[in-house]
PDB file of N, CA and C in Angstrom:
ATOM      1  N   MET A   1      -0.620  -8.251  24.052  1.00  0.00           N
ATOM      2  CA  MET A   1       0.489  -7.311  24.073  1.00  0.00           C
ATOM      3  C   MET A   1       0.125  -6.126  23.170  1.00  0.00           C
ATOM      4  N   GLU A   2       0.366  -4.928  23.670  1.00  0.00           N
ATOM      5  CA  GLU A   2       0.056  -3.725  22.912  1.00  0.00           C
ATOM      6  C   GLU A   2       1.169  -3.405  21.917  1.00  0.00           C
ATOM      7  N   PHE A   3       0.816  -2.538  20.980  1.00  0.00           N
ATOM      8  CA  PHE A   3       1.753  -2.145  19.931  1.00  0.00           C
ATOM      9  C   PHE A   3       3.061  -1.606  20.518  1.00  0.00           C
ATOM     10  N   ASN A   4       2.974  -0.727  21.512  1.00  0.00           N
ATOM     11  CA  ASN A   4       4.174  -0.133  22.124  1.00  0.00           C
ATOM     12  C   ASN A   4       5.061  -1.195  22.764  1.00  0.00           C
ATOM     13  N   GLU A   5       4.470  -2.224  23.314  1.00  0.00           N
ATOM     14  CA  GLU A   5       5.254  -3.301  23.916  1.00  0.00           C
ATOM     15  C   GLU A   5       6.013  -4.075  22.843  1.00  0.00           C
ATOM     16  N   TYR A   6       5.362  -4.285  21.679  1.00  0.00           N
ATOM     17  CA  TYR A   6       6.033  -4.944  20.562  1.00  0.00           C
ATOM     18  C   TYR A   6       7.231  -4.111  20.102  1.00  0.00           C
ATOM     19  N   VAL A   7       7.012  -2.813  19.994  1.00  0.00           N
ATOM     20  CA  VAL A   7       8.080  -1.910  19.567  1.00  0.00           C
ATOM     21  C   VAL A   7       9.246  -1.970  20.545  1.00  0.00           C
ATOM     22  N   GLU A   8       8.962  -1.976  21.833  1.00  0.00           N
ATOM     23  CA  GLU A   8      10.014  -2.050  22.840  1.00  0.00           C
ATOM     24  C   GLU A   8      10.788  -3.361  22.740  1.00  0.00           C
ATOM     25  N   GLU A   9      10.086  -4.461  22.524  1.00  0.00           N
ATOM     26  CA  GLU A   9      10.744  -5.768  22.380  1.00  0.00           C
ATOM     27  C   GLU A   9      11.621  -5.814  21.136  1.00  0.00           C
ATOM     28  N   ILE A  10      11.120  -5.274  20.046  1.00  0.00           N
ATOM     29  CA  ILE A  10      11.899  -5.240  18.801  1.00  0.00           C
ATOM     30  C   ILE A  10      13.134  -4.373  18.975  1.00  0.00           C
ATOM     31  N   GLU A  11      12.970  -3.220  19.602  1.00  0.00           N
ATOM     32  CA  GLU A  11      14.106  -2.325  19.843  1.00  0.00           C
ATOM     33  C   GLU A  11      15.163  -3.002  20.711  1.00  0.00           C
ATOM     34  N   LYS A  12      14.725  -3.686  21.752  1.00  0.00           N
ATOM     35  CA  LYS A  12      15.657  -4.396  22.626  1.00  0.00           C
ATOM     36  C   LYS A  12      16.411  -5.474  21.847  1.00  0.00           C
ATOM     37  N   SER A  13      15.698  -6.220  21.014  1.00  0.00           N
ATOM     38  CA  SER A  13      16.329  -7.270  20.203  1.00  0.00           C
ATOM     39  C   SER A  13      17.336  -6.683  19.224  1.00  0.00           C
ATOM     40  N   LEU A  14      16.981  -5.570  18.587  1.00  0.00           N
ATOM     41  CA  LEU A  14      17.896  -4.926  17.645  1.00  0.00           C
ATOM     42  C   LEU A  14      19.157  -4.434  18.338  1.00  0.00           C
ATOM     43  N   ARG A  15      19.018  -3.909  19.543  1.00  0.00           N
ATOM     44  CA  ARG A  15      20.195  -3.461  20.297  1.00  0.00           C
ATOM     45  C   ARG A  15      21.112  -4.635  20.637  1.00  0.00           C
ATOM     46  N   LEU A  16      20.531  -5.772  20.986  1.00  0.00           N
ATOM     47  CA  LEU A  16      21.336  -6.963  21.281  1.00  0.00           C
ATOM     48  C   LEU A  16      22.071  -7.458  20.040  1.00  0.00           C
ATOM     49  N   VAL A  17      21.382  -7.458  18.915  1.00  0.00           N
ATOM     50  CA  VAL A  17      22.012  -7.873  17.654  1.00  0.00           C
ATOM     51  C   VAL A  17      23.132  -6.907  17.289  1.00  0.00           C
ATOM     52  N   ALA A  18      22.881  -5.612  17.401  1.00  0.00           N
ATOM     53  CA  ALA A  18      23.901  -4.606  17.072  1.00  0.00           C
ATOM     54  C   ALA A  18      25.134  -4.776  17.950  1.00  0.00           C
ATOM     55  N   ALA A  19      24.932  -5.054  19.231  1.00  0.00           N
ATOM     56  CA  ALA A  19      26.069  -5.253  20.136  1.00  0.00           C
ATOM     57  C   ALA A  19      26.868  -6.490  19.743  1.00  0.00           C
ATOM     58  N   ALA A  20      26.189  -7.560  19.367  1.00  0.00           N
ATOM     59  CA  ALA A  20      26.871  -8.789  18.955  1.00  0.00           C
ATOM     60  C   ALA A  20      27.669  -8.556  17.672  1.00  0.00           C
ATOM     61  N   VAL A  21      27.096  -7.839  16.728  1.00  0.00           N
ATOM     62  CA  VAL A  21      27.792  -7.532  15.470  1.00  0.00           C
ATOM     63  C   VAL A  21      29.015  -6.662  15.751  1.00  0.00           C
ATOM     64  N   ARG A  22      28.865  -5.679  16.629  1.00  0.00           N
ATOM     65  CA  ARG A  22      29.987  -4.799  16.982  1.00  0.00           C
ATOM     66  C   ARG A  22      31.130  -5.591  17.613  1.00  0.00           C
ATOM     67  N   ARG A  23      30.792  -6.508  18.537  1.00  0.00           N
ATOM     68  CA  ARG A  23      31.833  -7.334  19.178  1.00  0.00           C
ATOM     69  C   ARG A  23      32.557  -8.200  18.147  1.00  0.00           C
ATOM     70  N   LYS A  24      31.811  -8.856  17.277  1.00  0.00           N
ATOM     71  CA  LYS A  24      32.421  -9.720  16.257  1.00  0.00           C
ATOM     72  C   LYS A  24      33.257  -8.892  15.288  1.00  0.00           C
ATOM     73  N   GLY A  25      32.756  -7.708  14.943  1.00  0.00           N
ATOM     74  CA  GLY A  25      33.496  -6.831  14.041  1.00  0.00           C
ATOM     75  C   GLY A  25      34.837  -6.419  14.617  1.00  0.00           C
ATOM     76  N   ARG A  26      34.874  -6.136  15.899  1.00  0.00           N
ATOM     77  CA  ARG A  26      36.141  -5.759  16.551  1.00  0.00           C
ATOM     78  C   ARG A  26      37.142  -6.908  16.490  1.00  0.00           C
ATOM     79  N   VAL A  27      36.658  -8.127  16.695  1.00  0.00           N
ATOM     80  CA  VAL A  27      37.540  -9.301  16.617  1.00  0.00           C
ATOM     81  C   VAL A  27      38.116  -9.426  15.211  1.00  0.00           C
ATOM     82  N   LEU A  28      37.251  -9.285  14.200  1.00  0.00           N
ATOM     83  CA  LEU A  28      37.714  -9.410  12.813  1.00  0.00           C
ATOM     84  C   LEU A  28      38.710  -8.316  12.449  1.00  0.00           C
ATOM     85  N   LEU A  29      38.459  -7.096  12.888  1.00  0.00           N
ATOM     86  CA  LEU A  29      39.400  -6.011  12.599  1.00  0.00           C
ATOM     87  C   LEU A  29      40.747  -6.271  13.260  1.00  0.00           C
ATOM     88  N   ARG A  30      40.727  -6.770  14.490  1.00  0.00           N
ATOM     89  CA  ARG A  30      41.987  -7.100  15.179  1.00  0.00           C
ATOM     90  C   ARG A  30      42.750  -8.184  14.427  1.00  0.00           C
ATOM     91  N   GLU A  31      42.035  -9.181  13.903  1.00  0.00           N
ATOM     92  CA  GLU A  31      42.691 -10.261  13.156  1.00  0.00           C
ATOM     93  C   GLU A  31      43.409  -9.734  11.918  1.00  0.00           C
ATOM     94  N   HIS A  32      42.886  -8.667  11.325  1.00  0.00           N
ATOM     95  CA  HIS A  32      43.487  -8.094  10.118  1.00  0.00           C
ATOM     96  C   HIS A  32      44.332  -6.867  10.418  1.00  0.00           C
ATOM     97  N   ASP A  33      44.479  -6.556  11.709  1.00  0.00           N
ATOM     98  CA  ASP A  33      45.318  -5.444  12.167  1.00  0.00           C
ATOM     99  C   ASP A  33      44.937  -4.118  11.501  1.00  0.00           C
ATOM    100  N   ILE A  34      43.620  -3.839  11.427  1.00  0.00           N
ATOM    101  CA  ILE A  34      43.163  -2.545  10.938  1.00  0.00           C
ATOM    102  C   ILE A  34      42.205  -1.939  11.958  1.00  0.00           C
ATOM    103  N   THR A  35      42.121  -0.611  11.912  1.00  0.00           N
ATOM    104  CA  THR A  35      41.259   0.121  12.833  1.00  0.00           C
ATOM    105  C   THR A  35      39.891   0.343  12.191  1.00  0.00           C
ATOM    106  N   SER A  36      38.948   0.781  12.991  1.00  0.00           N
ATOM    107  CA  SER A  36      37.608   1.083  12.462  1.00  0.00           C
ATOM    108  C   SER A  36      37.649   2.159  11.373  1.00  0.00           C
ATOM    109  N   PRO A  37      38.400   3.275  11.567  1.00  0.00           N
ATOM    110  CA  PRO A  37      38.469   4.265  10.485  1.00  0.00           C
ATOM    111  C   PRO A  37      39.108   3.700   9.204  1.00  0.00           C
ATOM    112  N   GLN A  38      40.099   2.829   9.353  1.00  0.00           N
ATOM    113  CA  GLN A  38      40.698   2.211   8.168  1.00  0.00           C
ATOM    114  C   GLN A  38      39.672   1.322   7.464  1.00  0.00           C
ATOM    115  N   PHE A  39      38.887   0.604   8.234  1.00  0.00           N
ATOM    116  CA  PHE A  39      37.838  -0.236   7.658  1.00  0.00           C
ATOM    117  C   PHE A  39      36.809   0.632   6.935  1.00  0.00           C
ATOM    118  N   ASP A  40      36.443   1.762   7.537  1.00  0.00           N
ATOM    119  CA  ASP A  40      35.510   2.678   6.887  1.00  0.00           C
ATOM    120  C   ASP A  40      36.066   3.166   5.553  1.00  0.00           C
ATOM    121  N   ALA A  41      37.367   3.437   5.515  1.00  0.00           N
ATOM    122  CA  ALA A  41      38.002   3.868   4.266  1.00  0.00           C
ATOM    123  C   ALA A  41      37.935   2.762   3.217  1.00  0.00           C
ATOM    124  N   LEU A  42      38.200   1.535   3.623  1.00  0.00           N
ATOM    125  CA  LEU A  42      38.128   0.413   2.680  1.00  0.00           C
ATOM    126  C   LEU A  42      36.711   0.228   2.151  1.00  0.00           C
ATOM    127  N   ILE A  43      35.718   0.405   3.006  1.00  0.00           N
ATOM    128  CA  ILE A  43      34.322   0.307   2.573  1.00  0.00           C
ATOM    129  C   ILE A  43      34.013   1.396   1.545  1.00  0.00           C
ATOM    130  N   ALA A  44      34.451   2.628   1.824  1.00  0.00           N
ATOM    131  CA  ALA A  44      34.216   3.736   0.899  1.00  0.00           C
ATOM    132  C   ALA A  44      34.880   3.461  -0.448  1.00  0.00           C
ATOM    133  N   LEU A  45      36.111   2.968  -0.425  1.00  0.00           N
ATOM    134  CA  LEU A  45      36.809   2.667  -1.677  1.00  0.00           C
ATOM    135  C   LEU A  45      36.149   1.512  -2.412  1.00  0.00           C
ATOM    136  N   ASN A  46      35.664   0.534  -1.687  1.00  0.00           N
ATOM    137  CA  ASN A  46      34.971  -0.581  -2.313  1.00  0.00           C
ATOM    138  C   ASN A  46      33.687  -0.101  -2.992  1.00  0.00           C
ATOM    139  N   ASN A  47      32.964   0.803  -2.334  1.00  0.00           N
ATOM    140  CA  ASN A  47      31.702   1.298  -2.878  1.00  0.00           C
ATOM    141  C   ASN A  47      31.889   2.285  -4.020  1.00  0.00           C
ATOM    142  N   GLU A  48      32.911   3.137  -3.921  1.00  0.00           N
ATOM    143  CA  GLU A  48      33.089   4.231  -4.870  1.00  0.00           C
ATOM    144  C   GLU A  48      34.141   3.964  -5.950  1.00  0.00           C
ATOM    145  N   GLY A  49      35.029   3.022  -5.702  1.00  0.00           N
ATOM    146  CA  GLY A  49      36.131   2.812  -6.638  1.00  0.00           C
ATOM    147  C   GLY A  49      37.273   3.750  -6.309  1.00  0.00           C
ATOM    148  N   GLU A  50      37.917   4.291  -7.316  1.00  0.00           N
ATOM    149  CA  GLU A  50      39.066   5.174  -7.110  1.00  0.00           C
ATOM    150  C   GLU A  50      38.609   6.531  -6.589  1.00  0.00           C
ATOM    151  N   LEU A  51      39.254   6.995  -5.530  1.00  0.00           N
ATOM    152  CA  LEU A  51      38.964   8.304  -4.942  1.00  0.00           C
ATOM    153  C   LEU A  51      40.262   9.041  -4.690  1.00  0.00           C
ATOM    154  N   THR A  52      40.205  10.364  -4.772  1.00  0.00           N
ATOM    155  CA  THR A  52      41.353  11.144  -4.335  1.00  0.00           C
ATOM    156  C   THR A  52      41.348  11.162  -2.807  1.00  0.00           C
ATOM    157  N   ILE A  53      42.466  11.554  -2.225  1.00  0.00           N
ATOM    158  CA  ILE A  53      42.534  11.660  -0.766  1.00  0.00           C
ATOM    159  C   ILE A  53      41.504  12.672  -0.267  1.00  0.00           C
ATOM    160  N   GLY A  54      41.334  13.771  -0.988  1.00  0.00           N
ATOM    161  CA  GLY A  54      40.348  14.783  -0.614  1.00  0.00           C
ATOM    162  C   GLY A  54      38.927  14.237  -0.634  1.00  0.00           C
ATOM    163  N   GLU A  55      38.593  13.482  -1.679  1.00  0.00           N
ATOM    164  CA  GLU A  55      37.256  12.880  -1.765  1.00  0.00           C
ATOM    165  C   GLU A  55      37.034  11.881  -0.625  1.00  0.00           C
ATOM    166  N   LEU A  56      38.057  11.081  -0.358  1.00  0.00           N
ATOM    167  CA  LEU A  56      37.954  10.105   0.724  1.00  0.00           C
ATOM    168  C   LEU A  56      37.818  10.818   2.072  1.00  0.00           C
ATOM    169  N   SER A  57      38.564  11.904   2.262  1.00  0.00           N
ATOM    170  CA  SER A  57      38.455  12.701   3.495  1.00  0.00           C
ATOM    171  C   SER A  57      37.023  13.167   3.708  1.00  0.00           C
ATOM    172  N   SER A  58      36.402  13.642   2.653  1.00  0.00           N
ATOM    173  CA  SER A  58      35.027  14.134   2.751  1.00  0.00           C
ATOM    174  C   SER A  58      34.063  13.009   3.098  1.00  0.00           C
ATOM    175  N   LYS A  59      34.241  11.863   2.491  1.00  0.00           N
ATOM    176  CA  LYS A  59      33.350  10.727   2.762  1.00  0.00           C
ATOM    177  C   LYS A  59      33.495  10.204   4.186  1.00  0.00           C
ATOM    178  N   LEU A  60      34.715  10.306   4.730  1.00  0.00           N
ATOM    179  CA  LEU A  60      34.967   9.802   6.088  1.00  0.00           C
ATOM    180  C   LEU A  60      34.770  10.866   7.159  1.00  0.00           C
ATOM    181  N   TYR A  61      34.562  12.122   6.737  1.00  0.00           N
ATOM    182  CA  TYR A  61      34.451  13.249   7.667  1.00  0.00           C
ATOM    183  C   TYR A  61      35.704  13.362   8.533  1.00  0.00           C
ATOM    184  N   LEU A  62      36.861  13.201   7.879  1.00  0.00           N
ATOM    185  CA  LEU A  62      38.150  13.322   8.568  1.00  0.00           C
ATOM    186  C   LEU A  62      38.965  14.424   7.919  1.00  0.00           C
ATOM    187  N   ALA A  63      39.915  14.951   8.659  1.00  0.00           N
ATOM    188  CA  ALA A  63      40.833  15.949   8.106  1.00  0.00           C
ATOM    189  C   ALA A  63      41.683  15.291   7.016  1.00  0.00           C
ATOM    190  N   TYR A  64      42.108  16.105   6.058  1.00  0.00           N
ATOM    191  CA  TYR A  64      42.926  15.616   4.952  1.00  0.00           C
ATOM    192  C   TYR A  64      44.185  14.925   5.480  1.00  0.00           C
ATOM    193  N   SER A  65      44.850  15.560   6.456  1.00  0.00           N
ATOM    194  CA  SER A  65      46.098  14.990   6.981  1.00  0.00           C
ATOM    195  C   SER A  65      45.847  13.653   7.682  1.00  0.00           C
ATOM    196  N   THR A  66      44.741  13.545   8.393  1.00  0.00           N
ATOM    197  CA  THR A  66      44.394  12.289   9.063  1.00  0.00           C
ATOM    198  C   THR A  66      44.136  11.196   8.044  1.00  0.00           C
ATOM    199  N   THR A  67      43.426  11.553   6.981  1.00  0.00           N
ATOM    200  CA  THR A  67      43.134  10.578   5.927  1.00  0.00           C
ATOM    201  C   THR A  67      44.414  10.153   5.219  1.00  0.00           C
ATOM    202  N   THR A  68      45.326  11.089   5.000  1.00  0.00           N
ATOM    203  CA  THR A  68      46.603  10.753   4.367  1.00  0.00           C
ATOM    204  C   THR A  68      47.365   9.733   5.213  1.00  0.00           C
ATOM    205  N   ASP A  69      47.446   9.961   6.516  1.00  0.00           N
ATOM    206  CA  ASP A  69      48.127   9.013   7.407  1.00  0.00           C
ATOM    207  C   ASP A  69      47.441   7.650   7.380  1.00  0.00           C
ATOM    208  N   LEU A  70      46.111   7.656   7.420  1.00  0.00           N
ATOM    209  CA  LEU A  70      45.333   6.424   7.410  1.00  0.00           C
ATOM    210  C   LEU A  70      45.603   5.633   6.122  1.00  0.00           C
ATOM    211  N   VAL A  71      45.582   6.323   4.988  1.00  0.00           N
ATOM    212  CA  VAL A  71      45.805   5.672   3.694  1.00  0.00           C
ATOM    213  C   VAL A  71      47.248   5.174   3.581  1.00  0.00           C
ATOM    214  N   ASP A  72      48.194   5.930   4.107  1.00  0.00           N
ATOM    215  CA  ASP A  72      49.595   5.483   4.086  1.00  0.00           C
ATOM    216  C   ASP A  72      49.756   4.154   4.828  1.00  0.00           C
ATOM    217  N   ARG A  73      49.096   4.030   5.989  1.00  0.00           N
ATOM    218  CA  ARG A  73      49.162   2.766   6.736  1.00  0.00           C
ATOM    219  C   ARG A  73      48.499   1.631   5.958  1.00  0.00           C
ATOM    220  N   LEU A  74      47.371   1.925   5.308  1.00  0.00           N
ATOM    221  CA  LEU A  74      46.701   0.896   4.503  1.00  0.00           C
ATOM    222  C   LEU A  74      47.550   0.489   3.298  1.00  0.00           C
ATOM    223  N   GLU A  75      48.266   1.454   2.721  1.00  0.00           N
ATOM    224  CA  GLU A  75      49.139   1.142   1.585  1.00  0.00           C
ATOM    225  C   GLU A  75      50.291   0.245   2.033  1.00  0.00           C
ATOM    226  N   ARG A  76      50.906   0.564   3.168  1.00  0.00           N
ATOM    227  CA  ARG A  76      52.007  -0.269   3.675  1.00  0.00           C
ATOM    228  C   ARG A  76      51.535  -1.701   3.947  1.00  0.00           C
ATOM    229  N   ALA A  77      50.271  -1.836   4.372  1.00  0.00           N
ATOM    230  CA  ALA A  77      49.713  -3.168   4.645  1.00  0.00           C
ATOM    231  C   ALA A  77      49.243  -3.862   3.371  1.00  0.00           C
ATOM    232  N   GLY A  78      49.239  -3.144   2.244  1.00  0.00           N
ATOM    233  CA  GLY A  78      48.840  -3.738   0.980  1.00  0.00           C
ATOM    234  C   GLY A  78      47.347  -3.707   0.706  1.00  0.00           C
ATOM    235  N   TYR A  79      46.591  -2.938   1.477  1.00  0.00           N
ATOM    236  CA  TYR A  79      45.140  -2.880   1.287  1.00  0.00           C
ATOM    237  C   TYR A  79      44.708  -1.851   0.254  1.00  0.00           C
ATOM    238  N   VAL A  80      45.538  -0.849  -0.020  1.00  0.00           N
ATOM    239  CA  VAL A  80      45.213   0.150  -1.034  1.00  0.00           C
ATOM    240  C   VAL A  80      46.434   0.416  -1.894  1.00  0.00           C
ATOM    241  N   CYS A  81      46.180   0.961  -3.068  1.00  0.00           N
ATOM    242  CA  CYS A  81      47.241   1.385  -3.976  1.00  0.00           C
ATOM    243  C   CYS A  81      47.075   2.874  -4.233  1.00  0.00           C
ATOM    244  N   LEU A  82      48.178   3.577  -4.289  1.00  0.00           N
ATOM    245  CA  LEU A  82      48.157   5.002  -4.574  1.00  0.00           C
ATOM    246  C   LEU A  82      48.744   5.239  -5.957  1.00  0.00           C
ATOM    247  N   ALA A  83      48.183   6.210  -6.659  1.00  0.00           N
ATOM    248  CA  ALA A  83      48.666   6.562  -7.986  1.00  0.00           C
ATOM    249  C   ALA A  83      48.458   8.052  -8.192  1.00  0.00           C
ATOM    250  N   ALA A  84      49.252   8.641  -9.073  1.00  0.00           N
ATOM    251  CA  ALA A  84      49.089  10.058  -9.387  1.00  0.00           C
ATOM    252  C   ALA A  84      47.828  10.225 -10.221  1.00  0.00           C
ATOM    253  N   GLY A  85      47.005  11.182  -9.814  1.00  0.00           N
ATOM    254  CA  GLY A  85      45.768  11.464 -10.537  1.00  0.00           C
ATOM    255  C   GLY A  85      45.915  12.701 -11.385  1.00  0.00           C
ATOM    256  N   LEU A  86      44.830  13.119 -11.991  1.00  0.00           N
ATOM    257  CA  LEU A  86      44.828  14.328 -12.802  1.00  0.00           C
ATOM    258  C   LEU A  86      45.108  15.543 -11.929  1.00  0.00           C
ATOM    259  N   GLY A  87      45.855  16.466 -12.430  1.00  0.00           N
ATOM    260  CA  GLY A  87      46.137  17.695 -11.702  1.00  0.00           C
ATOM    261  C   GLY A  87      47.046  17.505 -10.503  1.00  0.00           C
ATOM    262  N   GLY A  88      47.751  16.390 -10.443  1.00  0.00           N
ATOM    263  CA  GLY A  88      48.694  16.160  -9.357  1.00  0.00           C
ATOM    264  C   GLY A  88      48.083  15.610  -8.089  1.00  0.00           C
ATOM    265  N   SER A  89      46.781  15.322  -8.108  1.00  0.00           N
ATOM    266  CA  SER A  89      46.160  14.758  -6.901  1.00  0.00           C
ATOM    267  C   SER A  89      46.542  13.288  -6.765  1.00  0.00           C
ATOM    268  N   THR A  90      46.508  12.805  -5.554  1.00  0.00           N
ATOM    269  CA  THR A  90      46.814  11.408  -5.290  1.00  0.00           C
ATOM    270  C   THR A  90      45.519  10.621  -5.261  1.00  0.00           C
ATOM    271  N   CYS A  91      45.460   9.568  -6.078  1.00  0.00           N
ATOM    272  CA  CYS A  91      44.272   8.726  -6.123  1.00  0.00           C
ATOM    273  C   CYS A  91      44.542   7.432  -5.384  1.00  0.00           C
ATOM    274  N   CYS A  92      43.509   6.926  -4.802  1.00  0.00           N
ATOM    275  CA  CYS A  92      43.607   5.757  -3.948  1.00  0.00           C
ATOM    276  C   CYS A  92      42.596   4.727  -4.437  1.00  0.00           C
ATOM    277  N   THR A  93      43.027   3.477  -4.546  1.00  0.00           N
ATOM    278  CA  THR A  93      42.151   2.390  -4.942  1.00  0.00           C
ATOM    279  C   THR A  93      42.283   1.276  -3.930  1.00  0.00           C
ATOM    280  N   GLY A  94      41.176   0.711  -3.504  1.00  0.00           N
ATOM    281  CA  GLY A  94      41.201  -0.382  -2.537  1.00  0.00           C
ATOM    282  C   GLY A  94      41.518  -1.692  -3.204  1.00  0.00           C
ATOM    283  N   SER A  95      42.097  -2.594  -2.438  1.00  0.00           N
ATOM    284  CA  SER A  95      42.394  -3.937  -2.896  1.00  0.00           C
ATOM    285  C   SER A  95      41.577  -4.923  -2.070  1.00  0.00           C
ATOM    286  N   THR A  96      41.083  -5.965  -2.708  1.00  0.00           N
ATOM    287  CA  THR A  96      40.304  -6.951  -1.970  1.00  0.00           C
ATOM    288  C   THR A  96      41.186  -7.906  -1.195  1.00  0.00           C
ATOM    289  N   GLU A  97      42.469  -7.897  -1.482  1.00  0.00           N
ATOM    290  CA  GLU A  97      43.408  -8.770  -0.779  1.00  0.00           C
ATOM    291  C   GLU A  97      44.583  -7.947  -0.284  1.00  0.00           C
ATOM    292  N   ALA A  98      45.077  -8.289   0.886  1.00  0.00           N
ATOM    293  CA  ALA A  98      46.289  -7.632   1.391  1.00  0.00           C
ATOM    294  C   ALA A  98      47.421  -7.893   0.413  1.00  0.00           C
ATOM    295  N   ALA A  99      48.215  -6.879   0.160  1.00  0.00           N
ATOM    296  CA  ALA A  99      49.352  -6.957  -0.763  1.00  0.00           C
ATOM    297  C   ALA A  99      48.912  -7.364  -2.165  1.00  0.00           C
ATOM    298  N   GLY A 100      47.684  -7.031  -2.538  1.00  0.00           N
ATOM    299  CA  GLY A 100      47.170  -7.431  -3.837  1.00  0.00           C
ATOM    300  C   GLY A 100      47.282  -6.359  -4.900  1.00  0.00           C
ATOM    301  N   CYS A 101      47.976  -5.281  -4.642  1.00  0.00           N
ATOM    302  CA  CYS A 101      48.064  -4.184  -5.593  1.00  0.00           C
ATOM    303  C   CYS A 101      49.261  -4.399  -6.525  1.00  0.00           C
ATOM    304  N   THR A 102      48.989  -4.909  -7.680  1.00  0.00           N
ATOM    305  CA  THR A 102      50.078  -5.150  -8.635  1.00  0.00           C
ATOM    306  C   THR A 102      49.872  -4.400  -9.937  1.00  0.00           C
ATOM    307  N   ASP A 103      48.767  -3.682 -10.079  1.00  0.00           N
ATOM    308  CA  ASP A 103      48.469  -3.001 -11.327  1.00  0.00           C
ATOM    309  C   ASP A 103      49.182  -1.660 -11.468  1.00  0.00           C
ATOM    310  N   TYR A 104      49.803  -1.153 -10.399  1.00  0.00           N
ATOM    311  CA  TYR A 104      50.403   0.174 -10.462  1.00  0.00           C
ATOM    312  C   TYR A 104      51.895   0.091 -10.474  1.00  0.00           C
TER     313      TYR A 104
END
């Protein structure tokens, strides 16, 4: 088998794995009643810690208003906590458990 054939086989295998992960991920998101963009926000908050809505908007490449709506839904579900930040900005912190925000 030539090098290019190995590359093609590896690429095909990676695509199959990616599809399986995507399918399983959709099932898990449905079980927790969150969307892919909401999950992306939780990942960003987990990686970065506390972020303002503007900072989170930039990381997600979403409009500020879209991010605000997304975070509001996550807050109602108990996945994030909102607090007043410096200069009147709203800061957002992720929670590892639904309804786990008790520090604010």
